[in-house]
Protein backbone atom coordinates (compact mmCIF):
# COMPACT_ATOMS: atom_id res chain seq x y z
CA MET A 1 28.04 -117.61 -58.72
CA GLN A 2 29.02 -114.28 -57.14
CA ARG A 3 31.73 -114.70 -54.47
CA GLN A 4 30.77 -113.49 -50.98
CA ASP A 5 32.86 -110.57 -49.82
CA PRO A 6 34.41 -111.42 -46.38
CA PHE A 7 35.15 -107.75 -45.69
CA SER A 8 32.67 -105.12 -44.65
CA ARG A 9 32.58 -101.65 -46.11
CA ASP A 10 34.03 -100.21 -42.89
CA GLU A 11 36.90 -102.71 -42.98
CA ARG A 12 37.73 -101.68 -46.53
CA ARG A 13 37.70 -98.02 -45.53
CA ASP A 14 39.88 -98.69 -42.51
CA PHE A 15 42.35 -100.54 -44.71
CA ARG A 16 42.66 -97.65 -47.12
CA THR A 17 43.32 -95.20 -44.30
CA SER A 18 45.53 -97.28 -42.06
CA ARG A 19 47.36 -99.24 -44.82
CA SER A 20 47.84 -102.16 -42.39
CA THR A 21 50.48 -104.74 -43.39
CA ASP A 22 49.26 -107.69 -41.35
CA ASP A 23 47.95 -110.97 -42.81
CA HIS A 24 44.38 -109.67 -42.72
CA SER A 25 45.26 -106.77 -45.02
CA ALA A 26 47.14 -109.14 -47.33
CA GLU A 27 44.00 -111.25 -47.68
CA PHE A 28 42.08 -108.07 -48.30
CA ARG A 29 44.45 -107.11 -51.13
CA GLU A 30 43.99 -110.53 -52.69
CA GLN A 31 40.21 -110.03 -52.60
CA GLU A 32 40.61 -106.63 -54.24
CA ALA A 33 42.70 -108.21 -56.98
CA ARG A 34 40.09 -110.93 -57.55
CA ASP A 35 37.35 -108.26 -57.74
CA ALA A 36 39.34 -106.25 -60.29
CA ALA A 37 39.93 -109.38 -62.38
CA GLU A 38 36.22 -110.20 -62.31
CA ILE A 39 35.29 -106.69 -63.40
CA ALA A 40 37.84 -106.81 -66.23
CA ALA A 41 36.44 -110.17 -67.37
CA ARG A 42 32.90 -108.75 -67.50
CA LYS A 43 34.14 -105.78 -69.53
CA ARG A 44 35.88 -108.09 -72.00
CA LYS A 45 32.70 -110.15 -72.30
CA TRP A 46 30.53 -107.13 -73.13
CA LEU A 47 33.17 -105.77 -75.48
CA THR A 48 33.17 -109.11 -77.32
CA VAL A 49 29.35 -109.01 -77.59
CA PHE A 50 29.42 -105.43 -78.87
CA ILE A 51 32.06 -106.23 -81.51
CA ALA A 52 30.06 -109.26 -82.68
CA VAL A 53 26.80 -107.27 -83.01
CA PHE A 54 28.58 -104.38 -84.74
CA SER A 55 30.22 -106.81 -87.20
CA VAL A 56 26.86 -108.39 -88.07
CA VAL A 57 25.24 -104.99 -88.66
CA LEU A 58 28.20 -103.77 -90.73
CA CYS A 59 28.13 -106.91 -92.89
CA ALA A 60 24.38 -106.46 -93.46
CA VAL A 61 24.89 -102.84 -94.56
CA LEU A 62 27.75 -103.78 -96.89
CA VAL A 63 25.72 -106.59 -98.47
CA SER A 64 22.76 -104.20 -98.98
CA VAL A 65 25.00 -101.62 -100.65
CA LEU A 66 26.54 -104.30 -102.87
CA VAL A 67 23.13 -105.59 -103.94
CA LEU A 68 21.90 -102.09 -104.75
CA SER A 69 25.06 -101.35 -106.71
CA MET A 70 24.67 -104.53 -108.72
CA ARG A 71 21.07 -103.66 -109.51
CA ARG A 72 22.03 -100.14 -110.62
CA GLU A 73 24.81 -101.39 -112.88
CA SER A 74 22.14 -102.49 -115.34
CA GLY A 75 21.85 -98.83 -116.34
CA THR A 76 18.49 -97.80 -117.70
CA ALA A 77 16.67 -101.07 -117.08
CA ILE A 78 13.05 -100.52 -116.13
CA ARG A 79 12.65 -100.72 -112.36
CA GLY A 80 9.08 -101.78 -111.84
CA GLU A 81 6.42 -104.35 -112.27
CA PRO A 82 2.87 -104.01 -113.58
CA LYS A 83 0.06 -103.53 -111.13
CA GLU A 84 -3.65 -103.06 -111.63
CA PRO A 85 -4.62 -99.55 -112.80
CA LEU A 86 -6.51 -97.34 -110.40
CA HIS A 87 -10.07 -96.25 -111.16
CA LYS A 88 -10.03 -98.11 -114.48
CA PRO A 89 -11.25 -101.54 -115.56
CA PRO A 90 -8.50 -104.19 -115.72
CA LEU A 91 -6.34 -104.19 -118.83
CA SER A 92 -6.90 -106.80 -121.47
CA ASP A 93 -3.89 -108.93 -122.36
CA GLU A 94 -3.63 -107.14 -125.71
CA ASP A 95 -3.69 -103.67 -124.14
CA ALA A 96 -1.15 -104.67 -121.48
CA GLN A 97 1.19 -106.07 -124.13
CA THR A 98 0.86 -102.95 -126.28
CA ILE A 99 1.62 -100.61 -123.41
CA TRP A 100 4.47 -102.79 -122.10
CA SER A 101 6.09 -102.85 -125.52
CA THR A 102 5.89 -99.03 -125.53
CA ILE A 103 7.67 -98.97 -122.16
CA LEU A 104 10.47 -101.16 -123.51
CA GLU A 105 10.82 -98.92 -126.57
CA ALA A 106 10.97 -95.89 -124.26
CA ARG A 107 13.85 -97.54 -122.42
CA GLU A 108 15.71 -98.18 -125.67
CA THR A 109 15.14 -94.59 -126.82
CA SER A 110 16.43 -93.27 -123.46
CA ASP A 111 19.53 -95.48 -123.81
CA ARG A 112 20.26 -94.15 -127.32
CA PHE A 113 19.65 -90.55 -126.30
CA PHE A 114 22.04 -90.54 -123.33
CA ALA A 115 24.63 -92.66 -125.15
CA ALA A 116 24.80 -90.10 -127.99
CA LYS A 117 27.60 -87.56 -127.51
CA ALA A 118 26.62 -85.30 -130.42
CA MET A 119 23.66 -82.94 -130.28
CA GLY A 120 22.43 -83.99 -133.71
CA LYS A 121 22.31 -87.64 -132.67
CA ARG A 122 20.39 -86.78 -129.54
CA ALA A 123 17.97 -84.70 -131.59
CA GLU A 124 17.06 -87.84 -133.56
CA CYS A 125 15.64 -89.29 -130.36
CA VAL A 126 13.49 -86.33 -129.36
CA ARG A 127 9.88 -85.52 -130.01
CA ASP A 128 9.21 -82.88 -132.71
CA SER A 129 12.92 -82.72 -133.55
CA ALA A 130 12.63 -80.12 -136.34
CA ARG A 131 11.18 -77.60 -133.90
CA VAL A 132 13.26 -78.68 -130.90
CA LEU A 133 16.77 -78.81 -132.43
CA PRO A 134 17.09 -74.96 -132.56
CA LEU A 135 15.93 -74.88 -128.93
CA MET A 136 18.59 -77.44 -128.02
CA LYS A 137 21.29 -75.37 -129.72
CA GLU A 138 20.18 -72.23 -127.90
CA PHE A 139 19.90 -74.04 -124.56
CA TYR A 140 23.34 -75.65 -124.79
CA SER A 141 24.89 -72.34 -125.73
CA ARG A 142 24.20 -71.31 -122.13
CA THR A 143 24.37 -74.74 -120.45
CA GLU A 144 27.19 -77.27 -120.67
CA PHE A 145 26.23 -80.11 -123.02
CA GLY A 146 26.19 -83.49 -121.30
CA LYS A 147 27.10 -81.97 -117.94
CA TYR A 148 24.78 -84.29 -116.06
CA GLU A 149 24.16 -87.87 -117.14
CA PRO A 150 21.71 -90.35 -115.60
CA LYS A 151 22.80 -92.83 -112.95
CA ARG A 152 19.47 -94.61 -113.09
CA ILE A 153 16.26 -94.43 -115.14
CA GLY A 154 12.85 -95.84 -114.27
CA VAL A 155 9.23 -95.70 -115.40
CA GLU A 156 6.36 -94.46 -113.27
CA ALA A 157 3.37 -95.02 -115.56
CA ALA A 158 2.37 -95.51 -119.17
CA TYR A 159 -0.78 -94.12 -120.76
CA GLN A 160 -2.54 -95.12 -123.94
CA LEU A 161 -4.47 -92.10 -125.22
CA ASP A 162 -7.60 -91.94 -127.30
CA HIS A 163 -6.64 -89.35 -129.89
CA PRO A 164 -8.73 -88.30 -132.89
CA GLU A 165 -5.78 -88.46 -135.30
CA SER A 166 -3.55 -91.25 -134.00
CA ASP A 167 -3.17 -93.88 -131.33
CA ARG A 168 -0.74 -92.05 -129.04
CA ALA A 169 0.90 -93.28 -125.87
CA LEU A 170 2.89 -91.54 -123.14
CA VAL A 171 5.46 -93.10 -120.85
CA PHE A 172 6.17 -91.06 -117.73
CA THR A 173 9.84 -91.56 -116.94
CA TRP A 174 12.21 -90.42 -114.20
CA ALA A 175 15.97 -90.27 -113.98
CA ILE A 176 18.44 -89.87 -111.12
CA MET A 177 21.19 -87.71 -112.58
CA SER A 178 24.89 -87.64 -111.75
CA ASP A 179 24.29 -84.56 -109.59
CA TYR A 180 21.67 -86.62 -107.69
CA THR A 181 18.74 -84.50 -108.85
CA ARG A 182 15.58 -86.31 -109.91
CA ARG A 183 14.34 -85.46 -113.40
CA LEU A 184 10.90 -86.26 -114.76
CA PHE A 185 10.35 -86.53 -118.50
CA VAL A 186 7.99 -88.10 -120.98
CA CYS A 187 8.47 -90.45 -123.89
CA GLU A 188 5.75 -90.41 -126.54
CA ARG A 189 4.72 -92.86 -129.21
CA SER A 190 3.17 -90.73 -131.94
CA GLY A 191 1.41 -91.47 -135.22
CA ASP A 192 4.47 -92.92 -136.97
CA GLY A 193 4.86 -95.55 -134.25
CA ALA A 194 8.27 -94.34 -133.03
CA VAL A 195 8.86 -93.58 -129.35
CA ARG A 196 10.72 -90.33 -128.68
CA ILE A 197 11.76 -88.27 -125.67
CA ASP A 198 10.12 -84.97 -124.80
CA TRP A 199 13.39 -83.09 -124.43
CA GLU A 200 11.79 -79.90 -123.11
CA SER A 201 10.32 -81.66 -120.08
CA LEU A 202 13.63 -83.46 -119.47
CA VAL A 203 15.69 -80.27 -119.12
CA GLY A 204 12.89 -78.01 -117.87
CA TYR A 205 13.37 -75.78 -120.90
CA CYS A 206 12.63 -72.05 -120.55
CA THR A 207 12.97 -69.43 -123.27
CA MET A 208 15.50 -67.57 -121.10
CA SER A 209 17.82 -68.67 -118.36
CA TRP A 210 16.57 -67.76 -114.91
CA GLU A 211 19.63 -65.57 -114.29
CA THR A 212 19.18 -63.60 -117.53
CA PHE A 213 15.45 -63.31 -116.97
CA ARG A 214 15.97 -61.72 -113.56
CA GLN A 215 18.77 -59.46 -114.79
CA GLU A 216 17.01 -58.12 -117.90
CA ARG A 217 13.45 -58.14 -116.50
CA PRO A 218 11.72 -58.42 -119.90
CA THR A 219 8.14 -57.22 -120.28
CA GLN A 220 7.64 -59.49 -123.30
CA PRO A 221 6.00 -62.88 -122.52
CA GLN A 222 8.40 -65.75 -121.77
CA THR A 223 7.73 -69.47 -121.40
CA PHE A 224 8.91 -70.98 -118.11
CA ARG A 225 8.69 -74.49 -116.75
CA VAL A 226 8.41 -74.07 -113.01
CA LEU A 227 7.86 -75.89 -109.74
CA ALA A 228 4.87 -74.03 -108.35
CA SER A 229 3.19 -73.77 -104.97
CA GLU A 230 0.90 -71.31 -103.22
CA SER A 231 2.42 -68.27 -101.53
CA ASP A 232 1.47 -65.43 -99.21
CA TYR A 233 4.24 -63.11 -100.40
CA PHE A 234 2.51 -59.81 -101.16
CA VAL A 235 4.80 -56.84 -101.79
CA SER A 236 4.20 -53.71 -103.89
CA PRO A 237 3.07 -53.56 -106.65
CA PHE A 238 1.38 -56.89 -105.77
CA ASP A 239 0.58 -56.06 -102.15
CA ASP A 240 -3.19 -56.57 -102.08
CA SER A 241 -4.25 -60.16 -101.47
CA ALA A 242 -7.84 -59.20 -102.26
CA THR A 243 -7.00 -58.44 -105.89
CA ALA A 244 -3.94 -60.63 -106.56
CA ALA A 245 -3.21 -64.34 -106.13
CA ALA A 246 0.41 -65.23 -105.33
CA PHE A 247 2.40 -68.33 -106.30
CA ARG A 248 5.96 -69.38 -105.54
CA LEU A 249 7.83 -70.41 -108.70
CA GLY A 250 11.11 -72.33 -108.62
CA ASP A 251 13.53 -73.85 -111.12
CA LEU A 252 14.45 -77.49 -111.71
CA ALA A 253 17.59 -77.35 -109.54
CA ARG A 254 15.68 -75.50 -106.79
CA ARG A 255 18.29 -72.74 -106.78
CA GLN A 256 16.07 -69.94 -108.11
CA THR A 257 12.83 -68.60 -106.66
CA ILE A 258 10.51 -65.89 -107.96
CA PHE A 259 6.89 -65.02 -107.21
CA GLY A 260 4.15 -64.94 -109.81
CA TYR A 261 0.87 -63.04 -109.57
CA CYS A 262 -2.43 -63.03 -111.39
CA ALA A 263 -5.81 -61.42 -110.74
CA THR A 264 -7.89 -63.04 -108.02
CA GLY A 265 -10.81 -64.95 -109.51
CA SER A 266 -9.37 -64.84 -113.03
CA ASP A 267 -9.43 -67.80 -115.38
CA VAL A 268 -5.65 -68.10 -114.99
CA GLU A 269 -5.89 -68.39 -111.21
CA GLN A 270 -8.69 -70.96 -111.37
CA ARG A 271 -6.82 -73.13 -113.89
CA ILE A 272 -3.61 -72.99 -111.85
CA ARG A 273 -5.35 -73.87 -108.60
CA ARG A 274 -7.01 -76.89 -110.21
CA HIS A 275 -3.56 -78.43 -110.66
CA LEU A 276 -1.93 -77.44 -107.36
CA LYS A 277 -1.48 -80.08 -104.69
CA PRO A 278 -1.03 -78.44 -101.27
CA GLY A 279 2.39 -78.75 -99.70
CA LYS A 280 4.06 -79.98 -102.90
CA ASP A 281 6.06 -78.55 -105.79
CA ASN A 282 3.80 -78.79 -108.83
CA TYR A 283 5.14 -79.02 -112.39
CA LEU A 284 3.56 -76.24 -114.47
CA THR A 285 4.41 -74.50 -117.74
CA LEU A 286 3.57 -70.80 -117.56
CA GLU A 287 3.76 -67.70 -119.69
CA VAL A 288 5.18 -64.90 -117.53
CA ARG A 289 6.64 -61.41 -117.84
CA PHE A 290 7.82 -58.56 -115.65
CA PRO A 291 5.43 -55.63 -115.10
CA GLU A 292 6.17 -52.25 -116.58
CA ASP A 293 8.76 -50.46 -114.43
CA PRO A 294 9.47 -53.53 -112.26
CA GLN A 295 10.46 -52.82 -108.68
CA ALA A 296 12.18 -56.15 -107.99
CA ASP A 297 13.76 -59.01 -109.90
CA ASN A 298 11.61 -61.69 -108.25
CA GLN A 299 8.04 -60.53 -108.99
CA VAL A 300 6.36 -61.37 -112.29
CA GLU A 301 2.93 -61.42 -113.86
CA ILE A 302 1.46 -64.79 -114.83
CA LEU A 303 -0.26 -64.39 -118.19
CA ARG A 304 -1.27 -67.96 -119.03
CA LEU A 305 -1.08 -71.56 -117.92
CA LEU A 306 0.36 -73.27 -120.99
CA ALA A 307 0.36 -76.80 -119.56
CA PRO A 308 -0.48 -78.40 -116.18
CA ASN A 309 2.86 -80.22 -116.36
CA TRP A 310 6.03 -79.76 -118.41
CA VAL A 311 4.71 -81.44 -121.56
CA MET A 312 3.24 -79.16 -124.22
CA GLY A 313 0.59 -80.17 -126.72
CA PHE A 314 -2.10 -81.69 -124.52
CA SER A 315 -5.22 -80.08 -123.12
CA ASP A 316 -5.61 -79.62 -119.39
CA GLU A 317 -9.36 -80.18 -119.55
CA PRO A 318 -8.69 -82.78 -118.16
CA THR A 319 -4.89 -83.06 -117.98
CA PHE A 320 -4.85 -86.35 -119.90
CA THR A 321 -7.70 -88.51 -121.08
CA PRO A 322 -6.25 -92.02 -121.08
CA SER A 323 -8.47 -94.87 -122.18
CA ARG A 324 -6.00 -97.49 -120.93
CA PHE A 325 -3.01 -97.16 -118.68
CA LEU A 326 -0.49 -99.16 -116.72
CA LEU A 327 0.97 -98.06 -113.41
CA LEU A 328 4.30 -99.33 -112.15
CA LYS A 329 5.56 -99.86 -108.64
CA GLU A 330 9.16 -100.18 -107.52
CA SER A 331 10.39 -103.75 -107.42
């Protein structure tokens, strides 16, 4: 219960100014001391409550971090659980088992690939290795081999394709690398039954480095895997929006940006726009070159859309034609 103050405000003021030493002022000083003690007690009480709440929150955060760390220590374990496919009839048990076994093989292939410290060993795990090994050698001549390794790997979806020559399957995979970038790549089960990594989509392979491309400004066609979005950047010689369509093209690390142009209404523009989602970076593989007598190092002509993603060898009409597929959600 709050103690009744026997002194009025005026009496307190008079005491401070007169500094009386009689018994009344002594009682007043005792009341002041009791008030100060009560205030200090309330402060200690609230401080104790604050420390208790802060300790509970801190413990919860530490436990969450510990749990996440323990989950990530399992390396490339698949982080997901099956859920019903969208816009498709439910999977039969046989189809689900087939696709799930492909996912597990993709995980094992990813483990072997990243565990290998020699380029030749990694090449054994990649799709179309005879063609890709020379590309790997060229790429790692300008990029440090094994510079970034995955901290975590997961699967987004798996597709079983109806193919005229073989029963192919694709596993769409992502990795959080040691530089904390997110990489998307594909594992494929081809006609021989083995599951291999599409190395080109993993590293975002281009026939030239972005730095060399902008320095040398080649007019010969070059293959580039880009993150594309619409743009309104129109500068000479591509300064007429009525005759040219503009697109912003970026690299995997999002450190480089150039602008690509094609004729308005052309087949190239229509195919690109079919695969652009507004407000997002879209994975496209393009054939580009600099115009004759280029005026800048960031303006190129788009000659062809080679793939509506970073995986070569599949038609974009439509992008993929899966007969059966399995989507995964984060567990």
